[in-house]
N, C-alpha and C. Protein backbone atom coordinates (compact mmCIF):
# COMPACT_ATOMS: atom_id res chain seq x y z
N UNK A 1 74.29 123.67 -25.60
CA UNK A 1 75.29 122.82 -24.60
C UNK A 1 76.74 123.29 -24.37
N UNK A 2 77.66 122.96 -23.50
CA UNK A 2 78.87 123.16 -23.49
C UNK A 2 79.82 122.16 -24.05
N UNK A 3 79.44 121.31 -24.31
CA UNK A 3 79.92 120.22 -25.18
C UNK A 3 80.34 120.52 -26.26
N UNK A 4 79.49 121.11 -27.13
CA UNK A 4 79.57 121.42 -28.45
C UNK A 4 80.48 122.36 -28.70
N UNK A 5 81.37 123.12 -27.47
CA UNK A 5 82.33 124.26 -27.87
C UNK A 5 83.77 123.66 -27.98
N UNK A 6 83.45 122.04 -27.78
CA UNK A 6 84.77 121.33 -27.86
C UNK A 6 84.92 120.38 -29.05
N UNK A 7 86.19 120.55 -29.67
CA UNK A 7 86.52 119.69 -30.82
C UNK A 7 86.84 118.23 -30.47
N UNK A 8 86.86 117.36 -31.47
CA UNK A 8 87.17 116.11 -31.41
C UNK A 8 88.83 116.25 -30.99
N UNK A 9 89.54 116.86 -31.34
CA UNK A 9 90.94 116.99 -31.43
C UNK A 9 91.30 117.34 -29.93
N UNK A 10 90.60 118.20 -29.55
CA UNK A 10 90.62 118.83 -28.08
C UNK A 10 90.15 117.82 -27.11
N UNK A 11 89.15 117.04 -27.40
CA UNK A 11 88.94 115.90 -26.49
C UNK A 11 90.05 114.61 -26.54
N UNK A 12 90.45 114.48 -27.52
CA UNK A 12 91.60 113.58 -27.85
C UNK A 12 92.47 113.72 -26.95
N UNK A 13 93.22 114.85 -27.19
CA UNK A 13 94.40 115.34 -26.42
C UNK A 13 93.75 115.40 -24.89
N UNK A 14 92.83 115.82 -24.58
CA UNK A 14 92.72 115.90 -23.23
C UNK A 14 92.81 114.43 -22.58
N UNK A 15 91.98 113.52 -23.21
CA UNK A 15 92.11 112.13 -23.11
C UNK A 15 93.14 111.46 -22.70
N UNK A 16 93.94 112.09 -23.93
CA UNK A 16 95.55 111.10 -23.92
C UNK A 16 96.16 111.79 -22.48
N UNK A 17 96.29 112.89 -22.28
CA UNK A 17 97.04 113.53 -20.95
C UNK A 17 96.46 113.10 -20.05
N UNK A 18 95.35 113.01 -19.47
CA UNK A 18 94.62 112.26 -18.47
C UNK A 18 95.11 110.72 -18.50
N UNK A 19 94.81 110.04 -19.40
CA UNK A 19 95.17 108.73 -19.12
C UNK A 19 96.68 108.64 -18.75
N UNK A 20 97.65 109.61 -19.32
CA UNK A 20 99.35 109.37 -19.01
C UNK A 20 99.35 110.02 -17.69
N UNK A 21 98.61 110.61 -17.28
CA UNK A 21 98.75 111.05 -15.75
C UNK A 21 97.98 109.93 -15.01
N UNK A 22 96.99 109.12 -15.03
CA UNK A 22 96.79 108.15 -14.30
C UNK A 22 97.59 106.99 -14.40
N UNK A 23 98.11 106.58 -15.55
CA UNK A 23 99.26 105.60 -15.72
C UNK A 23 100.55 105.64 -14.68
N UNK A 24 100.68 107.05 -15.02
CA UNK A 24 102.06 107.76 -14.10
C UNK A 24 102.06 107.38 -12.69
N UNK A 25 100.53 107.62 -12.15
CA UNK A 25 100.23 107.75 -10.77
C UNK A 25 100.32 106.36 -10.35
N UNK A 26 99.95 105.55 -11.05
CA UNK A 26 99.78 104.17 -10.79
C UNK A 26 101.14 103.25 -10.78
N UNK A 27 101.85 103.85 -11.60
CA UNK A 27 103.18 103.19 -11.71
C UNK A 27 103.96 103.69 -10.22
N UNK A 28 103.69 105.34 -10.22
CA UNK A 28 104.53 105.65 -8.97
C UNK A 28 104.18 105.19 -7.76
N UNK A 29 103.00 104.89 -7.49
CA UNK A 29 102.04 104.16 -6.09
C UNK A 29 102.71 103.08 -6.15
N UNK A 30 102.57 101.63 -7.22
CA UNK A 30 102.74 100.45 -7.05
C UNK A 30 104.19 99.97 -7.36
N UNK A 31 104.97 100.75 -8.22
CA UNK A 31 106.25 100.15 -8.35
C UNK A 31 107.37 101.28 -8.02
N UNK A 32 107.36 102.07 -7.14
CA UNK A 32 107.97 103.25 -6.51
C UNK A 32 109.37 102.51 -5.92
N UNK A 33 109.53 101.65 -5.46
CA UNK A 33 110.68 101.01 -4.74
C UNK A 33 111.65 100.11 -5.71
N UNK A 34 111.17 99.88 -6.96
CA UNK A 34 111.98 99.42 -8.06
C UNK A 34 112.31 100.42 -9.02
N UNK A 35 111.46 101.57 -8.92
CA UNK A 35 112.02 102.81 -9.70
C UNK A 35 113.02 103.37 -8.68
N UNK A 36 112.95 103.51 -7.48
CA UNK A 36 114.35 104.05 -6.82
C UNK A 36 115.29 103.33 -6.92
N UNK A 37 115.31 101.84 -6.94
CA UNK A 37 116.28 101.11 -7.25
C UNK A 37 117.00 101.02 -8.45
N UNK A 38 116.34 101.50 -9.60
CA UNK A 38 116.56 101.41 -10.90
C UNK A 38 117.42 103.01 -11.07
N UNK A 39 116.79 103.84 -10.25
CA UNK A 39 117.60 105.24 -10.41
C UNK A 39 118.81 105.07 -9.64
N UNK A 40 119.02 104.52 -8.51
CA UNK A 40 120.20 104.52 -7.69
C UNK A 40 121.06 103.77 -8.32
N UNK A 41 120.91 102.77 -9.28
CA UNK A 41 121.85 101.92 -9.96
C UNK A 41 122.02 100.59 -9.21
N UNK A 42 121.05 99.97 -8.56
CA UNK A 42 121.42 99.11 -7.97
C UNK A 42 120.15 98.36 -8.02
N UNK A 43 120.00 97.49 -8.99
CA UNK A 43 118.71 96.45 -9.30
C UNK A 43 119.04 95.47 -8.24
N UNK A 44 118.15 95.01 -7.70
CA UNK A 44 118.03 94.02 -6.57
C UNK A 44 117.95 92.83 -7.27
N UNK A 45 118.34 91.74 -6.69
CA UNK A 45 118.22 90.41 -7.37
C UNK A 45 117.15 89.88 -6.47
N UNK A 46 115.91 89.44 -7.35
CA UNK A 46 114.89 88.92 -6.56
C UNK A 46 115.22 87.46 -6.32
N UNK A 47 115.05 87.22 -5.18
CA UNK A 47 115.28 85.51 -4.57
C UNK A 47 113.90 84.72 -4.81
N UNK A 48 114.19 83.62 -5.52
CA UNK A 48 113.32 82.82 -5.82
C UNK A 48 112.62 81.88 -4.28
N UNK A 49 111.03 82.35 -4.20
CA UNK A 49 110.24 81.82 -3.11
C UNK A 49 110.67 80.37 -2.87
N UNK A 50 110.86 80.28 -1.57
CA UNK A 50 111.20 78.80 -1.10
C UNK A 50 109.96 77.84 -1.36
N UNK A 51 110.02 76.99 -1.84
CA UNK A 51 109.06 75.93 -2.09
C UNK A 51 108.29 75.46 -1.09
N UNK A 52 106.64 75.13 -1.10
CA UNK A 52 106.29 74.63 -0.29
C UNK A 52 106.45 73.56 0.34
N UNK A 53 106.52 73.08 1.85
CA UNK A 53 107.04 71.99 2.31
C UNK A 53 105.65 70.95 1.94
N UNK A 54 106.16 69.73 1.86
CA UNK A 54 105.13 68.61 1.89
C UNK A 54 105.32 67.63 2.81
N UNK A 55 104.22 67.06 2.97
CA UNK A 55 104.17 66.07 4.01
C UNK A 55 105.38 64.83 3.73
N UNK A 56 105.61 64.20 2.59
CA UNK A 56 106.68 63.25 2.22
C UNK A 56 108.11 63.98 1.99
N UNK A 57 108.27 65.24 2.42
CA UNK A 57 109.53 65.81 2.01
C UNK A 57 110.58 65.54 3.30
N UNK A 58 109.85 65.26 4.24
CA UNK A 58 110.59 64.79 5.44
C UNK A 58 111.41 63.32 5.23
N UNK A 59 111.06 62.71 4.47
CA UNK A 59 111.41 61.33 4.11
C UNK A 59 112.67 61.56 3.28
N UNK A 60 112.80 62.61 2.64
CA UNK A 60 113.94 62.95 1.41
C UNK A 60 114.95 63.60 2.18
N UNK A 61 114.82 64.07 3.04
CA UNK A 61 115.73 65.52 3.54
C UNK A 61 117.06 64.98 3.43
N UNK A 62 117.62 63.89 3.79
CA UNK A 62 119.20 63.54 3.95
C UNK A 62 119.39 62.84 2.28
N UNK A 63 118.53 62.89 1.21
CA UNK A 63 119.00 62.79 -0.11
C UNK A 63 119.79 63.77 -0.61
N UNK A 64 120.66 63.74 -1.26
CA UNK A 64 121.29 64.67 -2.06
C UNK A 64 120.33 65.56 -3.17
N UNK A 65 120.87 66.70 -3.35
CA UNK A 65 119.98 67.58 -4.16
C UNK A 65 119.79 67.31 -5.23
N UNK A 66 120.76 66.79 -5.85
CA UNK A 66 120.62 66.52 -7.39
C UNK A 66 119.66 65.11 -7.49
N UNK A 67 119.35 64.10 -6.55
CA UNK A 67 118.54 62.97 -6.74
C UNK A 67 117.16 63.64 -6.60
N UNK A 68 117.13 64.68 -5.78
CA UNK A 68 115.84 65.20 -5.08
C UNK A 68 115.04 65.73 -6.29
N UNK A 69 115.69 66.59 -6.98
CA UNK A 69 115.39 67.00 -8.43
C UNK A 69 114.81 66.25 -9.29
N UNK A 70 115.37 65.08 -9.50
CA UNK A 70 114.95 64.00 -10.61
C UNK A 70 114.11 63.15 -10.08
N UNK A 71 112.80 63.10 -9.64
CA UNK A 71 112.01 62.38 -8.79
C UNK A 71 111.72 61.00 -9.91
N UNK A 72 111.88 61.28 -11.32
CA UNK A 72 111.42 59.84 -12.20
C UNK A 72 112.84 59.11 -12.13
N UNK A 73 114.04 59.97 -12.43
CA UNK A 73 115.21 59.02 -12.77
C UNK A 73 115.64 59.54 -14.08
N UNK A 74 116.97 59.40 -14.31
CA UNK A 74 117.62 59.88 -15.75
C UNK A 74 117.10 59.09 -16.76
N UNK A 75 116.92 60.01 -17.98
CA UNK A 75 116.57 59.39 -19.03
C UNK A 75 117.21 58.61 -19.65
N UNK A 76 116.81 57.26 -20.24
CA UNK A 76 117.71 56.47 -20.89
C UNK A 76 117.81 56.72 -22.24
N UNK A 77 118.94 56.76 -22.73
CA UNK A 77 119.45 56.99 -24.41
C UNK A 77 118.64 55.89 -25.06
N UNK A 78 118.13 56.22 -26.46
CA UNK A 78 117.53 55.16 -27.41
C UNK A 78 118.60 54.06 -27.68
N UNK A 79 118.31 52.91 -27.70
CA UNK A 79 118.80 51.98 -28.30
C UNK A 79 120.15 51.98 -29.13
N UNK A 80 121.24 51.73 -29.01
CA UNK A 80 122.30 51.48 -29.94
C UNK A 80 123.18 53.09 -29.97
N UNK A 81 122.61 53.90 -28.98
CA UNK A 81 123.05 55.26 -29.01
C UNK A 81 124.16 55.61 -27.43
N UNK A 82 124.70 56.15 -27.26
CA UNK A 82 125.57 56.31 -26.27
C UNK A 82 126.51 57.72 -26.17
N UNK A 83 126.74 57.93 -24.92
CA UNK A 83 127.48 59.62 -24.74
C UNK A 83 128.85 58.94 -24.74
N UNK A 84 129.55 60.03 -25.68
CA UNK A 84 130.97 59.72 -25.43
C UNK A 84 131.72 61.23 -25.06
N UNK A 85 133.07 61.16 -24.62
CA UNK A 85 133.55 62.21 -23.95
C UNK A 85 134.10 63.08 -25.49
N UNK A 86 134.80 64.25 -24.93
CA UNK A 86 135.14 65.00 -26.10
C UNK A 86 136.44 64.20 -26.63
N UNK A 87 137.37 63.57 -25.60
CA UNK A 87 138.44 62.79 -25.99
C UNK A 87 137.91 61.86 -26.82
N UNK A 88 136.98 61.11 -26.60
CA UNK A 88 136.85 59.99 -27.50
C UNK A 88 136.36 60.32 -28.98
N UNK A 89 136.09 61.40 -29.07
CA UNK A 89 135.05 62.02 -30.35
C UNK A 89 136.44 62.42 -31.24
N UNK A 90 136.32 62.12 -32.42
CA UNK A 90 137.25 62.99 -33.63
C UNK A 90 136.73 62.43 -34.86
N UNK A 91 137.52 63.01 -35.87
CA UNK A 91 137.24 62.62 -37.25
C UNK A 91 137.97 61.75 -37.99
N UNK A 92 137.70 61.06 -38.89
CA UNK A 92 138.33 60.14 -39.64
C UNK A 92 139.20 60.79 -40.33
N UNK A 93 140.55 59.87 -40.28
CA UNK A 93 141.61 60.37 -41.17
C UNK A 93 141.44 60.15 -42.75
N UNK A 94 141.93 61.21 -43.71
CA UNK A 94 141.67 61.05 -45.01
C UNK A 94 141.87 59.55 -45.59
N UNK A 95 141.29 59.44 -46.78
CA UNK A 95 141.33 58.13 -47.39
C UNK A 95 142.36 57.41 -47.66
N UNK A 96 143.63 58.25 -47.75
CA UNK A 96 144.72 57.66 -48.03
C UNK A 96 145.39 57.00 -46.92
N UNK A 97 145.01 57.80 -45.47
CA UNK A 97 145.62 57.25 -44.36
C UNK A 97 144.92 56.29 -43.77
N UNK A 98 143.63 55.75 -44.26
CA UNK A 98 142.86 54.82 -43.54
C UNK A 98 143.57 53.55 -43.90
N UNK A 99 143.65 52.81 -42.53
CA UNK A 99 144.30 51.45 -42.74
C UNK A 99 143.19 50.45 -42.99
N UNK A 100 143.17 49.44 -43.42
CA UNK A 100 142.57 48.26 -44.41
C UNK A 100 142.33 47.46 -43.04
N UNK A 101 140.70 47.45 -42.75
CA UNK A 101 140.58 46.77 -41.53
C UNK A 101 139.45 45.63 -42.17
N UNK A 102 139.68 44.43 -41.68
CA UNK A 102 138.87 43.21 -41.98
C UNK A 102 137.21 43.25 -41.34
N UNK A 103 136.49 42.84 -42.18
CA UNK A 103 135.05 43.03 -41.43
C UNK A 103 134.76 42.13 -40.66
N UNK A 104 134.48 42.23 -39.71
CA UNK A 104 133.99 41.09 -38.78
C UNK A 104 132.12 40.62 -38.84
N UNK A 105 131.84 39.80 -38.38
CA UNK A 105 130.73 39.14 -38.61
C UNK A 105 129.60 40.27 -38.38
N UNK A 106 129.90 40.66 -37.01
CA UNK A 106 128.69 41.47 -36.34
C UNK A 106 128.75 42.64 -37.10
N UNK A 107 129.74 43.37 -37.89
CA UNK A 107 129.74 44.51 -38.96
C UNK A 107 129.18 44.09 -40.24
N UNK A 108 129.01 43.13 -40.55
CA UNK A 108 128.27 42.51 -41.84
C UNK A 108 126.80 42.48 -41.30
N UNK A 109 126.37 41.93 -40.33
CA UNK A 109 125.21 41.87 -39.87
C UNK A 109 124.53 43.28 -39.62
N UNK A 110 125.31 44.27 -39.14
CA UNK A 110 124.54 45.57 -38.94
C UNK A 110 124.67 46.13 -40.29
N UNK A 111 125.42 46.25 -41.37
CA UNK A 111 125.29 46.64 -42.71
C UNK A 111 124.24 46.01 -43.07
N UNK A 112 123.77 44.41 -42.89
CA UNK A 112 122.44 43.97 -43.62
C UNK A 112 121.50 44.79 -42.72
N UNK A 113 121.43 44.55 -41.60
CA UNK A 113 120.25 45.22 -40.88
C UNK A 113 119.99 46.62 -41.70
N UNK A 114 120.92 47.62 -41.62
CA UNK A 114 120.85 48.93 -42.27
C UNK A 114 120.26 49.00 -43.30
N UNK A 115 120.69 47.60 -44.45
CA UNK A 115 120.10 47.84 -45.57
C UNK A 115 118.51 47.58 -45.70
N UNK A 116 118.12 46.64 -44.62
CA UNK A 116 116.72 46.07 -44.78
C UNK A 116 116.17 46.94 -44.00
N UNK A 117 116.68 48.01 -43.19
CA UNK A 117 116.07 49.31 -42.75
C UNK A 117 115.55 50.23 -43.74
N UNK A 118 116.40 50.21 -44.82
CA UNK A 118 116.51 51.08 -45.65
C UNK A 118 115.36 50.69 -46.99
N UNK A 119 115.73 49.54 -47.16
CA UNK A 119 114.19 49.04 -48.06
C UNK A 119 112.93 48.75 -47.23
N UNK A 120 112.82 48.86 -45.97
CA UNK A 120 111.73 48.61 -45.55
C UNK A 120 111.16 50.08 -45.30
N UNK A 121 111.93 51.07 -45.37
CA UNK A 121 111.56 52.69 -45.40
C UNK A 121 111.29 52.85 -46.87
N UNK A 122 111.89 52.44 -47.74
CA UNK A 122 111.55 52.75 -49.16
C UNK A 122 110.03 52.22 -49.56
N UNK A 123 109.91 50.87 -48.93
CA UNK A 123 108.48 50.27 -49.11
C UNK A 123 107.45 51.02 -48.51
N UNK A 124 107.61 51.70 -47.20
CA UNK A 124 106.71 52.42 -46.48
C UNK A 124 106.17 53.58 -47.32
N UNK A 125 107.49 54.21 -48.08
CA UNK A 125 107.30 55.56 -48.85
C UNK A 125 106.51 55.23 -49.92
N UNK A 126 106.72 53.98 -50.85
CA UNK A 126 106.24 53.92 -51.96
C UNK A 126 104.62 53.22 -51.71
N UNK A 127 104.61 52.71 -50.32
CA UNK A 127 103.05 52.46 -49.97
C UNK A 127 101.96 53.73 -49.90
N UNK A 128 102.91 54.50 -49.19
CA UNK A 128 102.21 55.70 -48.85
C UNK A 128 102.23 56.84 -49.92
N UNK A 129 102.76 56.69 -51.06
CA UNK A 129 102.50 57.12 -52.21
C UNK A 129 101.56 56.75 -52.89
N UNK A 130 101.23 55.51 -52.70
CA UNK A 130 100.02 54.89 -53.73
C UNK A 130 98.58 55.79 -53.36
N UNK A 131 98.22 55.79 -52.34
CA UNK A 131 97.12 56.72 -52.05
C UNK A 131 97.10 58.00 -52.57
N UNK A 132 98.01 58.53 -52.65
CA UNK A 132 98.13 59.90 -53.08
C UNK A 132 97.81 59.78 -54.72
N UNK A 133 98.78 58.86 -55.39
CA UNK A 133 98.49 58.85 -56.92
C UNK A 133 96.83 58.26 -57.06
N UNK A 134 96.33 57.42 -56.30
CA UNK A 134 94.78 57.02 -56.48
C UNK A 134 94.13 58.12 -56.65
N UNK A 135 94.31 59.14 -55.42
CA UNK A 135 93.42 60.26 -55.21
C UNK A 135 93.45 61.19 -56.51
N UNK A 136 94.58 61.59 -57.04
CA UNK A 136 95.07 62.22 -58.05
C UNK A 136 94.09 61.47 -59.35
N UNK A 137 94.12 59.98 -59.50
CA UNK A 137 93.70 59.43 -60.57
C UNK A 137 91.85 59.96 -60.57
N UNK A 138 91.51 59.78 -59.27
CA UNK A 138 89.97 60.07 -59.13
C UNK A 138 89.53 61.56 -59.58
N UNK A 139 90.57 62.58 -59.46
CA UNK A 139 90.21 63.66 -59.88
C UNK A 139 90.31 63.63 -61.62
N UNK A 140 91.39 63.16 -62.07
CA UNK A 140 91.40 63.04 -63.51
C UNK A 140 90.23 62.14 -63.89
N UNK A 141 89.88 61.14 -63.33
CA UNK A 141 88.48 60.32 -64.06
C UNK A 141 87.28 61.31 -63.87
N UNK A 142 87.34 62.11 -62.86
CA UNK A 142 86.16 63.17 -62.70
C UNK A 142 85.98 64.33 -63.98
N UNK A 143 87.24 64.53 -64.28
CA UNK A 143 87.60 65.60 -65.14
C UNK A 143 87.28 65.06 -66.61
N UNK A 144 87.83 63.86 -66.76
CA UNK A 144 87.37 63.12 -68.20
C UNK A 144 85.67 62.78 -68.25
N UNK A 145 85.09 62.77 -67.13
CA UNK A 145 83.69 62.37 -67.30
C UNK A 145 83.06 63.84 -67.39
N UNK A 146 83.16 64.69 -66.62
CA UNK A 146 82.36 65.91 -67.10
C UNK A 146 82.83 66.61 -68.15
N UNK A 147 84.02 66.55 -68.59
CA UNK A 147 84.27 67.14 -69.86
C UNK A 147 84.46 66.41 -71.06
N UNK A 148 83.89 64.91 -70.80
CA UNK A 148 83.94 64.15 -71.81
C UNK A 148 85.02 63.93 -72.64
N UNK A 149 86.28 63.63 -71.83
CA UNK A 149 87.87 63.84 -72.42
C UNK A 149 87.97 62.35 -73.31
N UNK A 150 89.11 62.66 -73.88
CA UNK A 150 89.70 61.41 -74.55
C UNK A 150 90.75 60.69 -73.94
N UNK A 151 91.39 59.90 -74.80
CA UNK A 151 92.31 59.01 -74.40
C UNK A 151 93.88 59.95 -74.37
N UNK A 152 93.84 60.82 -75.60
CA UNK A 152 94.70 62.01 -75.37
C UNK A 152 94.45 62.98 -74.39
N UNK A 153 93.33 63.50 -73.59
CA UNK A 153 93.23 64.17 -72.43
C UNK A 153 93.81 63.38 -71.10
N UNK A 154 93.39 62.15 -71.21
CA UNK A 154 93.77 61.55 -70.13
C UNK A 154 95.49 61.40 -70.08
N UNK A 155 95.79 61.02 -71.31
CA UNK A 155 97.63 61.06 -70.97
C UNK A 155 98.18 62.28 -70.81
N UNK A 156 97.78 63.32 -71.26
CA UNK A 156 98.23 64.42 -70.88
C UNK A 156 97.96 64.87 -69.42
N UNK A 157 96.85 64.80 -68.79
CA UNK A 157 96.79 64.71 -67.97
C UNK A 157 97.58 64.06 -66.44
N UNK A 158 97.65 62.89 -67.03
CA UNK A 158 98.42 61.71 -66.27
C UNK A 158 99.89 61.83 -66.51
N UNK A 159 100.49 62.49 -67.11
CA UNK A 159 101.84 63.13 -67.58
C UNK A 159 102.26 63.67 -66.22
N UNK A 160 101.27 64.50 -65.79
CA UNK A 160 101.74 65.31 -64.73
C UNK A 160 101.71 64.82 -63.34
N UNK A 161 100.88 63.64 -63.22
CA UNK A 161 100.78 62.80 -61.96
C UNK A 161 102.17 62.14 -61.95
N UNK A 162 102.26 61.44 -62.95
CA UNK A 162 103.69 60.31 -63.00
C UNK A 162 105.05 61.14 -63.07
N UNK A 163 104.93 62.49 -63.22
CA UNK A 163 106.11 63.46 -63.42
C UNK A 163 106.13 63.80 -61.62
N UNK A 164 105.23 63.67 -61.02
CA UNK A 164 105.09 64.14 -59.46
C UNK A 164 105.65 62.97 -58.98
N UNK A 165 105.11 61.76 -59.23
CA UNK A 165 105.41 60.43 -58.30
C UNK A 165 106.39 59.51 -59.12
N UNK A 166 107.45 59.95 -59.34
CA UNK A 166 108.23 59.36 -60.09
C UNK A 166 108.69 57.89 -59.29
N UNK A 167 109.05 58.06 -58.01
CA UNK A 167 109.37 56.70 -57.30
C UNK A 167 108.57 55.60 -57.74
N UNK A 168 107.25 55.59 -57.93
CA UNK A 168 106.51 54.70 -58.43
C UNK A 168 107.01 53.52 -59.57
N UNK A 169 107.57 54.53 -60.56
CA UNK A 169 107.89 53.62 -61.79
C UNK A 169 109.13 52.44 -61.30
N UNK A 170 108.79 51.33 -61.94
CA UNK A 170 109.63 50.21 -61.77
C UNK A 170 109.25 49.19 -60.73
N UNK A 171 108.09 49.71 -59.84
CA UNK A 171 107.78 48.92 -58.58
C UNK A 171 106.55 47.98 -58.82
N UNK A 172 106.32 47.13 -58.13
CA UNK A 172 105.13 46.60 -57.97
C UNK A 172 103.95 47.41 -58.02
N UNK A 173 104.13 48.23 -57.27
CA UNK A 173 102.74 49.24 -57.40
C UNK A 173 102.37 50.06 -58.50
N UNK A 174 103.56 50.03 -59.65
CA UNK A 174 103.08 50.64 -60.61
C UNK A 174 102.08 49.65 -61.61
N UNK A 175 102.40 48.49 -61.47
CA UNK A 175 101.67 47.32 -61.94
C UNK A 175 99.95 47.67 -61.51
N UNK A 176 99.81 47.78 -60.06
CA UNK A 176 98.67 47.82 -59.39
C UNK A 176 98.17 48.80 -60.01
N UNK A 177 98.80 50.10 -59.75
CA UNK A 177 98.07 51.17 -60.36
C UNK A 177 97.41 51.15 -62.06
N UNK A 178 98.46 50.46 -62.81
CA UNK A 178 98.25 50.35 -63.95
C UNK A 178 96.92 49.60 -64.05
N UNK A 179 96.62 48.75 -63.38
CA UNK A 179 95.35 47.39 -63.32
C UNK A 179 94.36 48.39 -62.91
N UNK A 180 94.62 49.47 -62.19
CA UNK A 180 93.45 50.32 -61.48
C UNK A 180 92.82 51.46 -62.61
N UNK A 181 93.90 51.75 -63.49
CA UNK A 181 93.67 52.64 -64.83
C UNK A 181 92.62 52.27 -65.51
N UNK A 182 93.16 50.98 -65.69
CA UNK A 182 92.64 49.75 -66.93
C UNK A 182 90.89 49.92 -66.50
N UNK A 183 91.01 49.22 -65.33
CA UNK A 183 89.41 49.11 -65.02
C UNK A 183 88.68 50.24 -64.78
N UNK A 184 89.02 51.55 -64.29
CA UNK A 184 88.31 52.65 -64.42
C UNK A 184 88.19 53.88 -65.42
N UNK A 185 88.94 53.51 -66.47
CA UNK A 185 88.65 54.57 -67.68
C UNK A 185 87.81 54.12 -68.37
N UNK A 186 87.16 55.00 -69.15
CA UNK A 186 85.81 54.48 -69.99
C UNK A 186 86.13 54.06 -71.22
N UNK A 187 87.30 54.16 -71.99
CA UNK A 187 87.87 53.22 -72.99
C UNK A 187 89.13 52.65 -72.52
N UNK A 188 89.28 51.83 -73.64
CA UNK A 188 90.63 50.76 -73.62
C UNK A 188 91.87 51.55 -73.72
N UNK A 189 92.68 50.86 -73.10
CA UNK A 189 94.45 51.35 -73.19
C UNK A 189 95.02 50.21 -73.24
N UNK A 190 96.06 50.29 -74.16
CA UNK A 190 97.13 49.09 -74.40
C UNK A 190 98.19 49.07 -73.12
N UNK A 191 98.79 48.23 -73.23
CA UNK A 191 100.18 47.90 -72.43
C UNK A 191 101.22 48.93 -72.75
N UNK A 192 101.17 49.07 -74.10
CA UNK A 192 102.83 49.88 -74.37
C UNK A 192 102.23 51.65 -74.07
N UNK A 193 100.55 51.70 -74.28
CA UNK A 193 100.23 53.04 -73.54
C UNK A 193 100.61 53.30 -72.29
N UNK A 194 100.00 52.20 -71.49
CA UNK A 194 100.52 52.30 -69.92
C UNK A 194 101.95 52.35 -69.59
N UNK A 195 102.62 51.82 -70.46
CA UNK A 195 104.15 51.59 -70.23
C UNK A 195 104.64 53.19 -70.29
N UNK A 196 104.05 53.74 -71.44
CA UNK A 196 104.47 55.17 -71.91
C UNK A 196 103.88 56.18 -70.82
N UNK A 197 103.31 55.86 -69.96
CA UNK A 197 102.63 56.98 -68.95
C UNK A 197 103.68 57.33 -68.06
N UNK A 198 104.53 56.23 -67.77
CA UNK A 198 105.67 56.28 -66.74
C UNK A 198 106.84 56.53 -67.22
N UNK A 199 107.03 57.94 -67.47
CA UNK A 199 108.67 58.20 -68.01
C UNK A 199 109.94 57.60 -67.08
């Protein structure tokens, strides 16, 4: 056969050359005008196509362009937020230059609301931590059951969990978790040992 006289290298080189010729021909046929513009140094600005006319568009021909672009209306800012111009924006003076102002009732109420929001956020964060701690405890219980672990093993394993979730210490959730530990451990644990679990 004649094909046995060709090597793979000759075949691949020939295929690459023929592919390059093919794509050069396609580019020259379909993009000739763009190539001429590019070589002449004039890049034509592509005009945006005119949008299709709609049946309801005639009703809005007299409207200004800004309002026709925004069919839904302007978006409202979140409550308590407002836009200010650059002239209204500035930095507070140094502490030495700050005049002493008396707090009004509305400022005190805002501060209380802010503190309440913070405590609500803290409560939410604490409540979202509890399922994570319980999940970690399930894996510890499983390890203790399969490996027949002791109280010392539990204390060392739980030290990792308590160091990971330090936010639980001193909260009502700590007591609930301690009760959960008492109920699910296969051995007895004292209140002092439970208190020592949370550094």
